[in-house]
PDB file of N, CA and C in Angstrom:
ATOM      1  N   MET A   1      -3.196  -0.116 -16.088  1.00  0.00           N
ATOM      2  CA  MET A   1      -2.429  -0.909 -15.319  1.00  0.00           C
ATOM      3  C   MET A   1      -3.760  -2.079 -14.779  1.00  0.00           C
ATOM      4  N   LEU A   2      -3.511  -3.138 -14.716  1.00  0.00           N
ATOM      5  CA  LEU A   2      -4.164  -4.263 -14.028  1.00  0.00           C
ATOM      6  C   LEU A   2      -4.022  -4.278 -12.615  1.00  0.00           C
ATOM      7  N   LEU A   3      -4.982  -4.041 -11.825  1.00  0.00           N
ATOM      8  CA  LEU A   3      -5.064  -4.188 -10.512  1.00  0.00           C
ATOM      9  C   LEU A   3      -5.262  -5.950 -10.116  1.00  0.00           C
ATOM     10  N   LEU A   4      -4.084  -6.361  -9.057  1.00  0.00           N
ATOM     11  CA  LEU A   4      -3.813  -7.231  -8.578  1.00  0.00           C
ATOM     12  C   LEU A   4      -4.411  -7.702  -7.296  1.00  0.00           C
ATOM     13  N   SER A   5      -5.139  -8.393  -6.945  1.00  0.00           N
ATOM     14  CA  SER A   5      -5.578  -8.649  -5.286  1.00  0.00           C
ATOM     15  C   SER A   5      -4.518  -9.689  -4.828  1.00  0.00           C
ATOM     16  N   TYR A   6      -3.643 -10.420  -5.481  1.00  0.00           N
ATOM     17  CA  TYR A   6      -2.774 -11.309  -5.054  1.00  0.00           C
ATOM     18  C   TYR A   6      -1.508 -10.808  -5.654  1.00  0.00           C
ATOM     19  N   GLY A   7      -0.543 -10.224  -5.096  1.00  0.00           N
ATOM     20  CA  GLY A   7       0.603  -9.554  -5.393  1.00  0.00           C
ATOM     21  C   GLY A   7       0.408  -8.143  -5.161  1.00  0.00           C
ATOM     22  N   VAL A   8       1.768  -7.695  -5.665  1.00  0.00           N
ATOM     23  CA  VAL A   8       1.714  -6.207  -5.495  1.00  0.00           C
ATOM     24  C   VAL A   8       1.522  -5.601  -6.653  1.00  0.00           C
ATOM     25  N   SER A   9       1.060  -4.505  -7.118  1.00  0.00           N
ATOM     26  CA  SER A   9       0.525  -3.527  -8.072  1.00  0.00           C
ATOM     27  C   SER A   9       1.349  -2.160  -8.209  1.00  0.00           C
ATOM     28  N   PHE A  10       1.999  -1.756  -8.950  1.00  0.00           N
ATOM     29  CA  PHE A  10       2.404  -0.655  -8.805  1.00  0.00           C
ATOM     30  C   PHE A  10       1.596   0.855  -9.431  1.00  0.00           C
ATOM     31  N   TRP A  11       1.367   2.057  -8.873  1.00  0.00           N
ATOM     32  CA  TRP A  11       0.709   3.031  -9.427  1.00  0.00           C
ATOM     33  C   TRP A  11       1.220   4.348  -9.224  1.00  0.00           C
ATOM     34  N   SER A  12       0.978   4.967 -10.447  1.00  0.00           N
ATOM     35  CA  SER A  12       1.806   6.305 -10.583  1.00  0.00           C
ATOM     36  C   SER A  12       0.923   7.546 -10.699  1.00  0.00           C
ATOM     37  N   VAL A  13      -0.232   7.351 -11.170  1.00  0.00           N
ATOM     38  CA  VAL A  13      -0.974   8.282 -11.582  1.00  0.00           C
ATOM     39  C   VAL A  13      -2.429   8.161 -10.600  1.00  0.00           C
ATOM     40  N   LEU A  14      -2.722   9.520 -10.080  1.00  0.00           N
ATOM     41  CA  LEU A  14      -3.849   9.851  -9.006  1.00  0.00           C
ATOM     42  C   LEU A  14      -5.028   9.390  -9.527  1.00  0.00           C
ATOM     43  N   ASN A  15      -5.215   9.280 -10.759  1.00  0.00           N
ATOM     44  CA  ASN A  15      -6.556   8.726 -11.288  1.00  0.00           C
ATOM     45  C   ASN A  15      -6.751   7.053 -11.497  1.00  0.00           C
ATOM     46  N   ALA A  16      -5.488   6.507 -11.578  1.00  0.00           N
ATOM     47  CA  ALA A  16      -5.498   5.163 -11.530  1.00  0.00           C
ATOM     48  C   ALA A  16      -5.583   4.869 -10.017  1.00  0.00           C
ATOM     49  N   PHE A  17      -4.981   5.423  -9.243  1.00  0.00           N
ATOM     50  CA  PHE A  17      -5.048   5.281  -7.793  1.00  0.00           C
ATOM     51  C   PHE A  17      -6.161   5.167  -6.965  1.00  0.00           C
ATOM     52  N   ASP A  18      -7.118   6.194  -7.383  1.00  0.00           N
ATOM     53  CA  ASP A  18      -8.574   6.374  -7.062  1.00  0.00           C
ATOM     54  C   ASP A  18      -9.270   5.256  -7.447  1.00  0.00           C
ATOM     55  N   ASN A  19      -9.240   4.869  -8.861  1.00  0.00           N
ATOM     56  CA  ASN A  19      -9.785   3.637  -9.491  1.00  0.00           C
ATOM     57  C   ASN A  19      -9.713   2.562  -8.866  1.00  0.00           C
ATOM     58  N   ALA A  20      -8.333   2.396  -8.475  1.00  0.00           N
ATOM     59  CA  ALA A  20      -7.712   1.071  -7.743  1.00  0.00           C
ATOM     60  C   ALA A  20      -8.691   1.123  -6.213  1.00  0.00           C
ATOM     61  N   LEU A  21      -8.498   1.981  -5.643  1.00  0.00           N
ATOM     62  CA  LEU A  21      -9.216   2.055  -4.365  1.00  0.00           C
ATOM     63  C   LEU A  21     -10.861   1.717  -4.370  1.00  0.00           C
ATOM     64  N   LYS A  22     -11.590   2.295  -5.371  1.00  0.00           N
ATOM     65  CA  LYS A  22     -13.011   2.047  -5.637  1.00  0.00           C
ATOM     66  C   LYS A  22     -13.076   0.752  -6.524  1.00  0.00           C
ATOM     67  N   ASN A  23     -12.199   0.262  -7.168  1.00  0.00           N
ATOM     68  CA  ASN A  23     -12.564  -1.115  -7.919  1.00  0.00           C
ATOM     69  C   ASN A  23     -12.142  -2.427  -6.587  1.00  0.00           C
ATOM     70  N   ALA A  24     -11.643  -1.968  -5.694  1.00  0.00           N
ATOM     71  CA  ALA A  24     -11.275  -2.953  -4.616  1.00  0.00           C
ATOM     72  C   ALA A  24     -12.426  -3.242  -3.845  1.00  0.00           C
ATOM     73  N   GLY A  25     -13.711  -2.391  -3.926  1.00  0.00           N
ATOM     74  CA  GLY A  25     -14.856  -2.841  -3.012  1.00  0.00           C
ATOM     75  C   GLY A  25     -14.728  -2.753  -1.625  1.00  0.00           C
ATOM     76  N   ASN A  26     -14.959  -3.883  -0.677  1.00  0.00           N
ATOM     77  CA  ASN A  26     -14.941  -3.989   0.469  1.00  0.00           C
ATOM     78  C   ASN A  26     -13.703  -4.675   0.931  1.00  0.00           C
ATOM     79  N   LYS A  27     -12.872  -4.910  -0.072  1.00  0.00           N
ATOM     80  CA  LYS A  27     -11.365  -5.575   0.472  1.00  0.00           C
ATOM     81  C   LYS A  27     -10.640  -4.453   1.125  1.00  0.00           C
ATOM     82  N   LEU A  28      -9.892  -4.789   1.982  1.00  0.00           N
ATOM     83  CA  LEU A  28      -8.708  -4.081   2.626  1.00  0.00           C
ATOM     84  C   LEU A  28      -7.920  -3.931   1.520  1.00  0.00           C
ATOM     85  N   VAL A  29      -7.242  -2.571   1.681  1.00  0.00           N
ATOM     86  CA  VAL A  29      -6.197  -2.130   0.474  1.00  0.00           C
ATOM     87  C   VAL A  29      -5.234  -1.670   1.293  1.00  0.00           C
ATOM     88  N   VAL A  30      -4.163  -1.966   0.977  1.00  0.00           N
ATOM     89  CA  VAL A  30      -2.811  -1.670   1.806  1.00  0.00           C
ATOM     90  C   VAL A  30      -1.875  -0.959   0.846  1.00  0.00           C
ATOM     91  N   VAL A  31      -1.525   0.332   0.995  1.00  0.00           N
ATOM     92  CA  VAL A  31      -0.750   1.078  -0.134  1.00  0.00           C
ATOM     93  C   VAL A  31       0.549   1.425   0.851  1.00  0.00           C
ATOM     94  N   ASP A  32       1.548   1.050   0.042  1.00  0.00           N
ATOM     95  CA  ASP A  32       2.964   1.146   0.634  1.00  0.00           C
ATOM     96  C   ASP A  32       3.692   2.339  -0.495  1.00  0.00           C
ATOM     97  N   PHE A  33       3.910   3.437   0.597  1.00  0.00           N
ATOM     98  CA  PHE A  33       4.618   4.686  -0.140  1.00  0.00           C
ATOM     99  C   PHE A  33       5.633   4.665  -0.136  1.00  0.00           C
ATOM    100  N   THR A  34       6.787   4.496  -1.326  1.00  0.00           N
ATOM    101  CA  THR A  34       7.999   4.052  -0.838  1.00  0.00           C
ATOM    102  C   THR A  34       8.845   5.120  -1.788  1.00  0.00           C
ATOM    103  N   ALA A  35      10.107   4.678  -1.808  1.00  0.00           N
ATOM    104  CA  ALA A  35      11.184   5.781  -2.741  1.00  0.00           C
ATOM    105  C   ALA A  35      12.364   4.714  -2.762  1.00  0.00           C
ATOM    106  N   THR A  36      12.944   4.719  -4.134  1.00  0.00           N
ATOM    107  CA  THR A  36      14.066   3.890  -4.247  1.00  0.00           C
ATOM    108  C   THR A  36      15.244   4.083  -3.642  1.00  0.00           C
ATOM    109  N   TRP A  37      15.587   5.532  -3.117  1.00  0.00           N
ATOM    110  CA  TRP A  37      16.582   5.746  -2.452  1.00  0.00           C
ATOM    111  C   TRP A  37      16.486   5.852  -0.660  1.00  0.00           C
ATOM    112  N   CYS A  38      15.170   5.097  -0.399  1.00  0.00           N
ATOM    113  CA  CYS A  38      14.985   5.316   0.886  1.00  0.00           C
ATOM    114  C   CYS A  38      15.343   3.569   1.704  1.00  0.00           C
ATOM    115  N   GLY A  39      16.454   3.741   2.503  1.00  0.00           N
ATOM    116  CA  GLY A  39      16.744   2.439   3.214  1.00  0.00           C
ATOM    117  C   GLY A  39      15.796   1.768   3.786  1.00  0.00           C
ATOM    118  N   PRO A  40      14.903   2.282   4.725  1.00  0.00           N
ATOM    119  CA  PRO A  40      14.085   1.570   5.232  1.00  0.00           C
ATOM    120  C   PRO A  40      12.859   1.012   4.298  1.00  0.00           C
ATOM    121  N   CYS A  41      12.652   1.502   3.448  1.00  0.00           N
ATOM    122  CA  CYS A  41      11.956   1.235   2.297  1.00  0.00           C
ATOM    123  C   CYS A  41      12.198   0.006   1.439  1.00  0.00           C
ATOM    124  N   GLN A  42      13.585   0.061   1.166  1.00  0.00           N
ATOM    125  CA  GLN A  42      14.042  -1.222   0.602  1.00  0.00           C
ATOM    126  C   GLN A  42      14.155  -2.314   1.563  1.00  0.00           C
ATOM    127  N   ARG A  43      14.409  -2.057   2.776  1.00  0.00           N
ATOM    128  CA  ARG A  43      14.276  -3.369   3.605  1.00  0.00           C
ATOM    129  C   ARG A  43      13.227  -3.830   3.902  1.00  0.00           C
ATOM    130  N   ILE A  44      12.215  -3.027   3.840  1.00  0.00           N
ATOM    131  CA  ILE A  44      10.781  -3.953   4.247  1.00  0.00           C
ATOM    132  C   ILE A  44      10.250  -4.286   2.755  1.00  0.00           C
ATOM    133  N   ALA A  45      10.549  -3.933   1.720  1.00  0.00           N
ATOM    134  CA  ALA A  45       9.667  -4.448   0.445  1.00  0.00           C
ATOM    135  C   ALA A  45       9.692  -5.805   0.178  1.00  0.00           C
ATOM    136  N   PRO A  46      10.745  -6.572   0.699  1.00  0.00           N
ATOM    137  CA  PRO A  46      10.729  -8.055   0.500  1.00  0.00           C
ATOM    138  C   PRO A  46       9.611  -8.620   1.508  1.00  0.00           C
ATOM    139  N   PHE A  47       9.464  -8.244   2.763  1.00  0.00           N
ATOM    140  CA  PHE A  47       8.529  -8.572   3.611  1.00  0.00           C
ATOM    141  C   PHE A  47       7.223  -8.382   3.106  1.00  0.00           C
ATOM    142  N   TYR A  48       6.786  -6.858   2.504  1.00  0.00           N
ATOM    143  CA  TYR A  48       5.573  -6.443   1.992  1.00  0.00           C
ATOM    144  C   TYR A  48       5.377  -7.536   0.856  1.00  0.00           C
ATOM    145  N   LYS A  49       6.099  -7.780  -0.133  1.00  0.00           N
ATOM    146  CA  LYS A  49       5.795  -8.558  -1.205  1.00  0.00           C
ATOM    147  C   LYS A  49       5.363  -9.837  -0.454  1.00  0.00           C
ATOM    148  N   ALA A  50       6.145 -10.589   0.253  1.00  0.00           N
ATOM    149  CA  ALA A  50       5.522 -12.003   0.957  1.00  0.00           C
ATOM    150  C   ALA A  50       4.654 -11.904   1.450  1.00  0.00           C
ATOM    151  N   LEU A  51       3.862 -10.510   2.199  1.00  0.00           N
ATOM    152  CA  LEU A  51       2.754 -10.782   2.755  1.00  0.00           C
ATOM    153  C   LEU A  51       1.500 -10.530   1.753  1.00  0.00           C
ATOM    154  N   SER A  52       1.918 -10.049   0.477  1.00  0.00           N
ATOM    155  CA  SER A  52       1.063 -10.102  -0.490  1.00  0.00           C
ATOM    156  C   SER A  52       0.970 -11.268  -1.231  1.00  0.00           C
ATOM    157  N   GLU A  53       1.630 -12.194  -1.027  1.00  0.00           N
ATOM    158  CA  GLU A  53       1.558 -13.602  -1.461  1.00  0.00           C
ATOM    159  C   GLU A  53       1.221 -14.863  -0.723  1.00  0.00           C
ATOM    160  N   LYS A  54       0.571 -14.091   0.445  1.00  0.00           N
ATOM    161  CA  LYS A  54       0.313 -15.284   1.660  1.00  0.00           C
ATOM    162  C   LYS A  54      -1.100 -15.488   1.433  1.00  0.00           C
ATOM    163  N   GLU A  55      -1.290 -17.128   1.301  1.00  0.00           N
ATOM    164  CA  GLU A  55      -2.966 -17.436   0.927  1.00  0.00           C
ATOM    165  C   GLU A  55      -3.873 -16.407   1.647  1.00  0.00           C
ATOM    166  N   GLU A  56      -3.593 -16.440   3.230  1.00  0.00           N
ATOM    167  CA  GLU A  56      -4.572 -15.671   3.727  1.00  0.00           C
ATOM    168  C   GLU A  56      -4.923 -14.383   3.580  1.00  0.00           C
ATOM    169  N   ASN A  57      -3.986 -14.022   2.277  1.00  0.00           N
ATOM    170  CA  ASN A  57      -4.062 -12.427   2.329  1.00  0.00           C
ATOM    171  C   ASN A  57      -4.672 -12.162   0.916  1.00  0.00           C
ATOM    172  N   LYS A  58      -5.001 -13.313   0.176  1.00  0.00           N
ATOM    173  CA  LYS A  58      -5.480 -13.483  -1.053  1.00  0.00           C
ATOM    174  C   LYS A  58      -6.841 -12.122  -1.095  1.00  0.00           C
ATOM    175  N   ASN A  59      -7.402 -11.894  -0.103  1.00  0.00           N
ATOM    176  CA  ASN A  59      -8.526 -10.883  -0.437  1.00  0.00           C
ATOM    177  C   ASN A  59      -8.111  -9.537   0.001  1.00  0.00           C
ATOM    178  N   VAL A  60      -6.811  -9.221   0.033  1.00  0.00           N
ATOM    179  CA  VAL A  60      -6.311  -8.002   0.389  1.00  0.00           C
ATOM    180  C   VAL A  60      -5.449  -7.440  -1.010  1.00  0.00           C
ATOM    181  N   VAL A  61      -5.739  -6.240  -1.294  1.00  0.00           N
ATOM    182  CA  VAL A  61      -5.234  -5.896  -2.326  1.00  0.00           C
ATOM    183  C   VAL A  61      -4.097  -4.849  -1.789  1.00  0.00           C
ATOM    184  N   PHE A  62      -2.408  -5.207  -1.969  1.00  0.00           N
ATOM    185  CA  PHE A  62      -1.405  -4.313  -1.958  1.00  0.00           C
ATOM    186  C   PHE A  62      -1.232  -3.550  -3.193  1.00  0.00           C
ATOM    187  N   LEU A  63      -0.649  -2.241  -2.801  1.00  0.00           N
ATOM    188  CA  LEU A  63      -0.491  -1.430  -3.910  1.00  0.00           C
ATOM    189  C   LEU A  63       0.755  -0.808  -3.176  1.00  0.00           C
ATOM    190  N   LYS A  64       1.797  -0.233  -4.347  1.00  0.00           N
ATOM    191  CA  LYS A  64       2.854   0.309  -3.859  1.00  0.00           C
ATOM    192  C   LYS A  64       3.132   1.701  -4.990  1.00  0.00           C
ATOM    193  N   VAL A  65       3.177   2.647  -4.110  1.00  0.00           N
ATOM    194  CA  VAL A  65       3.433   3.959  -4.684  1.00  0.00           C
ATOM    195  C   VAL A  65       5.040   4.468  -4.733  1.00  0.00           C
ATOM    196  N   ASP A  66       5.571   4.781  -5.552  1.00  0.00           N
ATOM    197  CA  ASP A  66       6.822   5.322  -5.428  1.00  0.00           C
ATOM    198  C   ASP A  66       6.636   6.747  -5.652  1.00  0.00           C
ATOM    199  N   VAL A  67       6.807   7.381  -4.628  1.00  0.00           N
ATOM    200  CA  VAL A  67       6.471   9.018  -4.216  1.00  0.00           C
ATOM    201  C   VAL A  67       7.329   9.831  -5.148  1.00  0.00           C
ATOM    202  N   ASP A  68       8.496   9.543  -5.679  1.00  0.00           N
ATOM    203  CA  ASP A  68       9.083  10.157  -6.852  1.00  0.00           C
ATOM    204  C   ASP A  68       8.413  10.232  -8.092  1.00  0.00           C
ATOM    205  N   ASP A  69       7.788   9.008  -8.631  1.00  0.00           N
ATOM    206  CA  ASP A  69       7.337   8.682  -9.661  1.00  0.00           C
ATOM    207  C   ASP A  69       5.849   9.278  -9.787  1.00  0.00           C
ATOM    208  N   ALA A  70       5.295   9.195  -8.790  1.00  0.00           N
ATOM    209  CA  ALA A  70       3.798   9.773  -8.374  1.00  0.00           C
ATOM    210  C   ALA A  70       3.504  10.884  -7.371  1.00  0.00           C
ATOM    211  N   GLN A  71       4.181  11.853  -7.608  1.00  0.00           N
ATOM    212  CA  GLN A  71       4.123  12.872  -6.723  1.00  0.00           C
ATOM    213  C   GLN A  71       2.909  13.388  -6.387  1.00  0.00           C
ATOM    214  N   ASP A  72       1.969  13.201  -7.647  1.00  0.00           N
ATOM    215  CA  ASP A  72       0.671  13.637  -7.315  1.00  0.00           C
ATOM    216  C   ASP A  72      -0.170  12.920  -6.335  1.00  0.00           C
ATOM    217  N   VAL A  73       0.117  11.598  -6.457  1.00  0.00           N
ATOM    218  CA  VAL A  73      -0.399  10.644  -5.297  1.00  0.00           C
ATOM    219  C   VAL A  73      -0.193  10.783  -3.950  1.00  0.00           C
ATOM    220  N   ALA A  74       1.371  11.049  -3.813  1.00  0.00           N
ATOM    221  CA  ALA A  74       1.833  11.285  -2.729  1.00  0.00           C
ATOM    222  C   ALA A  74       1.559  12.504  -1.945  1.00  0.00           C
ATOM    223  N   SER A  75       1.211  13.249  -2.887  1.00  0.00           N
ATOM    224  CA  SER A  75       0.635  15.026  -2.193  1.00  0.00           C
ATOM    225  C   SER A  75      -0.806  14.765  -1.756  1.00  0.00           C
ATOM    226  N   PHE A  76      -1.820  13.990  -2.595  1.00  0.00           N
ATOM    227  CA  PHE A  76      -2.996  13.977  -2.302  1.00  0.00           C
ATOM    228  C   PHE A  76      -3.040  13.122  -1.024  1.00  0.00           C
ATOM    229  N   CYS A  77      -2.313  12.250  -0.680  1.00  0.00           N
ATOM    230  CA  CYS A  77      -2.478  11.395   0.260  1.00  0.00           C
ATOM    231  C   CYS A  77      -1.713  11.888   1.490  1.00  0.00           C
ATOM    232  N   GLU A  78      -0.951  12.817   1.533  1.00  0.00           N
ATOM    233  CA  GLU A  78      -0.424  13.787   2.433  1.00  0.00           C
ATOM    234  C   GLU A  78       0.898  13.100   3.050  1.00  0.00           C
ATOM    235  N   ILE A  79       1.713  12.296   2.284  1.00  0.00           N
ATOM    236  CA  ILE A  79       2.668  11.560   2.739  1.00  0.00           C
ATOM    237  C   ILE A  79       3.946  12.747   3.002  1.00  0.00           C
ATOM    238  N   LYS A  80       4.425  12.218   4.194  1.00  0.00           N
ATOM    239  CA  LYS A  80       5.378  13.109   4.742  1.00  0.00           C
ATOM    240  C   LYS A  80       6.620  12.280   4.910  1.00  0.00           C
ATOM    241  N   CYS A  81       6.806  11.014   5.173  1.00  0.00           N
ATOM    242  CA  CYS A  81       8.048  10.505   5.131  1.00  0.00           C
ATOM    243  C   CYS A  81       7.783   8.600   4.622  1.00  0.00           C
ATOM    244  N   MET A  82       8.929   8.324   3.976  1.00  0.00           N
ATOM    245  CA  MET A  82       8.767   6.767   3.622  1.00  0.00           C
ATOM    246  C   MET A  82       9.393   5.964   4.634  1.00  0.00           C
ATOM    247  N   PRO A  83       9.236   4.731   4.695  1.00  0.00           N
ATOM    248  CA  PRO A  83       8.006   4.135   4.081  1.00  0.00           C
ATOM    249  C   PRO A  83       6.719   4.754   4.933  1.00  0.00           C
ATOM    250  N   THR A  84       5.630   4.890   4.310  1.00  0.00           N
ATOM    251  CA  THR A  84       3.988   5.138   4.979  1.00  0.00           C
ATOM    252  C   THR A  84       3.343   4.227   4.420  1.00  0.00           C
ATOM    253  N   PHE A  85       2.627   3.318   5.029  1.00  0.00           N
ATOM    254  CA  PHE A  85       1.487   2.361   4.874  1.00  0.00           C
ATOM    255  C   PHE A  85       0.117   3.059   5.302  1.00  0.00           C
ATOM    256  N   GLN A  86      -0.697   3.041   4.312  1.00  0.00           N
ATOM    257  CA  GLN A  86      -2.254   3.320   4.403  1.00  0.00           C
ATOM    258  C   GLN A  86      -3.006   2.491   4.296  1.00  0.00           C
ATOM    259  N   PHE A  87      -4.056   2.473   4.733  1.00  0.00           N
ATOM    260  CA  PHE A  87      -5.045   1.411   4.791  1.00  0.00           C
ATOM    261  C   PHE A  87      -6.416   1.913   4.581  1.00  0.00           C
ATOM    262  N   TYR A  88      -7.133   1.168   3.430  1.00  0.00           N
ATOM    263  CA  TYR A  88      -8.351   1.551   3.193  1.00  0.00           C
ATOM    264  C   TYR A  88      -9.325   0.633   2.914  1.00  0.00           C
ATOM    265  N   LYS A  89     -10.565   1.121   3.107  1.00  0.00           N
ATOM    266  CA  LYS A  89     -11.898   0.068   3.127  1.00  0.00           C
ATOM    267  C   LYS A  89     -12.828   0.982   2.209  1.00  0.00           C
ATOM    268  N   HIS A  90     -13.334   0.474   1.400  1.00  0.00           N
ATOM    269  CA  HIS A  90     -14.931   1.370   1.010  1.00  0.00           C
ATOM    270  C   HIS A  90     -14.027   2.569   0.283  1.00  0.00           C
ATOM    271  N   GLY A  91     -12.874   2.815  -0.344  1.00  0.00           N
ATOM    272  CA  GLY A  91     -12.378   3.666  -0.761  1.00  0.00           C
ATOM    273  C   GLY A  91     -11.833   4.900   0.280  1.00  0.00           C
ATOM    274  N   LYS A  92     -12.147   4.812   1.517  1.00  0.00           N
ATOM    275  CA  LYS A  92     -11.773   5.742   2.425  1.00  0.00           C
ATOM    276  C   LYS A  92     -10.527   4.948   3.604  1.00  0.00           C
ATOM    277  N   LYS A  93      -9.933   6.181   3.897  1.00  0.00           N
ATOM    278  CA  LYS A  93      -8.469   5.729   4.552  1.00  0.00           C
ATOM    279  C   LYS A  93      -9.175   5.272   5.848  1.00  0.00           C
ATOM    280  N   ILE A  94      -8.574   4.092   6.718  1.00  0.00           N
ATOM    281  CA  ILE A  94      -9.130   3.702   7.685  1.00  0.00           C
ATOM    282  C   ILE A  94      -7.648   3.803   8.985  1.00  0.00           C
ATOM    283  N   ASP A  95      -6.508   3.699   8.461  1.00  0.00           N
ATOM    284  CA  ASP A  95      -5.345   3.833   9.196  1.00  0.00           C
ATOM    285  C   ASP A  95      -4.166   3.623   8.593  1.00  0.00           C
ATOM    286  N   GLU A  96      -2.965   4.465   9.271  1.00  0.00           N
ATOM    287  CA  GLU A  96      -1.981   4.750   8.513  1.00  0.00           C
ATOM    288  C   GLU A  96      -0.645   4.406   9.601  1.00  0.00           C
ATOM    289  N   PHE A  97       0.314   4.191   9.213  1.00  0.00           N
ATOM    290  CA  PHE A  97       1.422   4.186   9.899  1.00  0.00           C
ATOM    291  C   PHE A  97       2.999   4.618   8.987  1.00  0.00           C
ATOM    292  N   SER A  98       3.921   5.113   9.700  1.00  0.00           N
ATOM    293  CA  SER A  98       5.263   5.463   9.118  1.00  0.00           C
ATOM    294  C   SER A  98       6.489   4.333   9.632  1.00  0.00           C
ATOM    295  N   GLY A  99       7.158   3.970   8.796  1.00  0.00           N
ATOM    296  CA  GLY A  99       8.194   3.118   9.423  1.00  0.00           C
ATOM    297  C   GLY A  99       8.229   1.729   8.928  1.00  0.00           C
ATOM    298  N   SER A 100       9.203   1.016   9.280  1.00  0.00           N
ATOM    299  CA  SER A 100       9.431  -0.422   8.524  1.00  0.00           C
ATOM    300  C   SER A 100       9.125  -1.501   9.709  1.00  0.00           C
ATOM    301  N   ASN A 101       8.137  -1.139  10.468  1.00  0.00           N
ATOM    302  CA  ASN A 101       8.120  -2.173  11.664  1.00  0.00           C
ATOM    303  C   ASN A 101       7.541  -3.291  11.076  1.00  0.00           C
ATOM    304  N   GLN A 102       7.822  -4.416  10.802  1.00  0.00           N
ATOM    305  CA  GLN A 102       7.153  -5.734   9.925  1.00  0.00           C
ATOM    306  C   GLN A 102       6.056  -6.197  10.974  1.00  0.00           C
ATOM    307  N   SER A 103       6.122  -6.199  12.265  1.00  0.00           N
ATOM    308  CA  SER A 103       5.249  -6.812  13.046  1.00  0.00           C
ATOM    309  C   SER A 103       3.896  -5.668  13.183  1.00  0.00           C
ATOM    310  N   ASN A 104       4.265  -4.360  13.026  1.00  0.00           N
ATOM    311  CA  ASN A 104       3.059  -3.011  12.894  1.00  0.00           C
ATOM    312  C   ASN A 104       2.331  -3.617  12.103  1.00  0.00           C
ATOM    313  N   LEU A 105       3.046  -3.873  10.619  1.00  0.00           N
ATOM    314  CA  LEU A 105       2.340  -4.028   9.287  1.00  0.00           C
ATOM    315  C   LEU A 105       1.590  -5.291   9.195  1.00  0.00           C
ATOM    316  N   GLU A 106       2.053  -6.441   9.809  1.00  0.00           N
ATOM    317  CA  GLU A 106       1.249  -7.611   9.681  1.00  0.00           C
ATOM    318  C   GLU A 106       0.149  -7.658  10.694  1.00  0.00           C
ATOM    319  N   GLU A 107       0.289  -6.997  11.824  1.00  0.00           N
ATOM    320  CA  GLU A 107      -0.741  -6.750  12.695  1.00  0.00           C
ATOM    321  C   GLU A 107      -1.948  -5.791  12.242  1.00  0.00           C
ATOM    322  N   LYS A 108      -1.614  -4.638  11.533  1.00  0.00           N
ATOM    323  CA  LYS A 108      -2.584  -3.908  10.938  1.00  0.00           C
ATOM    324  C   LYS A 108      -3.447  -4.322   9.841  1.00  0.00           C
ATOM    325  N   ILE A 109      -2.664  -5.486   8.946  1.00  0.00           N
ATOM    326  CA  ILE A 109      -3.408  -6.023   8.122  1.00  0.00           C
ATOM    327  C   ILE A 109      -4.277  -6.955   8.555  1.00  0.00           C
ATOM    328  N   SER A 110      -3.933  -7.727   9.629  1.00  0.00           N
ATOM    329  CA  SER A 110      -4.715  -8.752  10.160  1.00  0.00           C
ATOM    330  C   SER A 110      -6.153  -8.085  10.784  1.00  0.00           C
ATOM    331  N   MET A 111      -5.901  -7.040  11.368  1.00  0.00           N
ATOM    332  CA  MET A 111      -6.963  -6.451  12.312  1.00  0.00           C
ATOM    333  C   MET A 111      -8.042  -5.948  11.396  1.00  0.00           C
ATOM    334  N   HIS A 112      -7.250  -5.342  10.191  1.00  0.00           N
ATOM    335  CA  HIS A 112      -8.558  -4.388   9.179  1.00  0.00           C
ATOM    336  C   HIS A 112      -9.085  -5.446   8.362  1.00  0.00           C
ATOM    337  N   LYS A 113      -8.616  -6.681   7.976  1.00  0.00           N
ATOM    338  CA  LYS A 113      -9.051  -7.252   6.904  1.00  0.00           C
ATOM    339  C   LYS A 113     -10.405  -8.110   7.095  1.00  0.00           C
TER     340      LYS A 113
END
């Protein structure tokens, strides 16, 4: 799968997820752990997509992981609830929060990029 820095990419294999983090280099990587049956996940999804398309976020990598399709990734990242957003730089997790608070998501992206 192609890694996109501008837009949202979907990942479902642990190896591909790890490669995406490595390939991002020094860019901020934001990962949305979601599920199709999760109401709060579906409510924040359009906002997450809109953030990924903003010009000021063109150097941020936005990924989305469906926890049902990518149980290996969800387990490796110790996801307990959805939505959970994890933030990575240089392949290392630097922050995380759970819930669908749009302001919190936007603030964390601004803080870490």
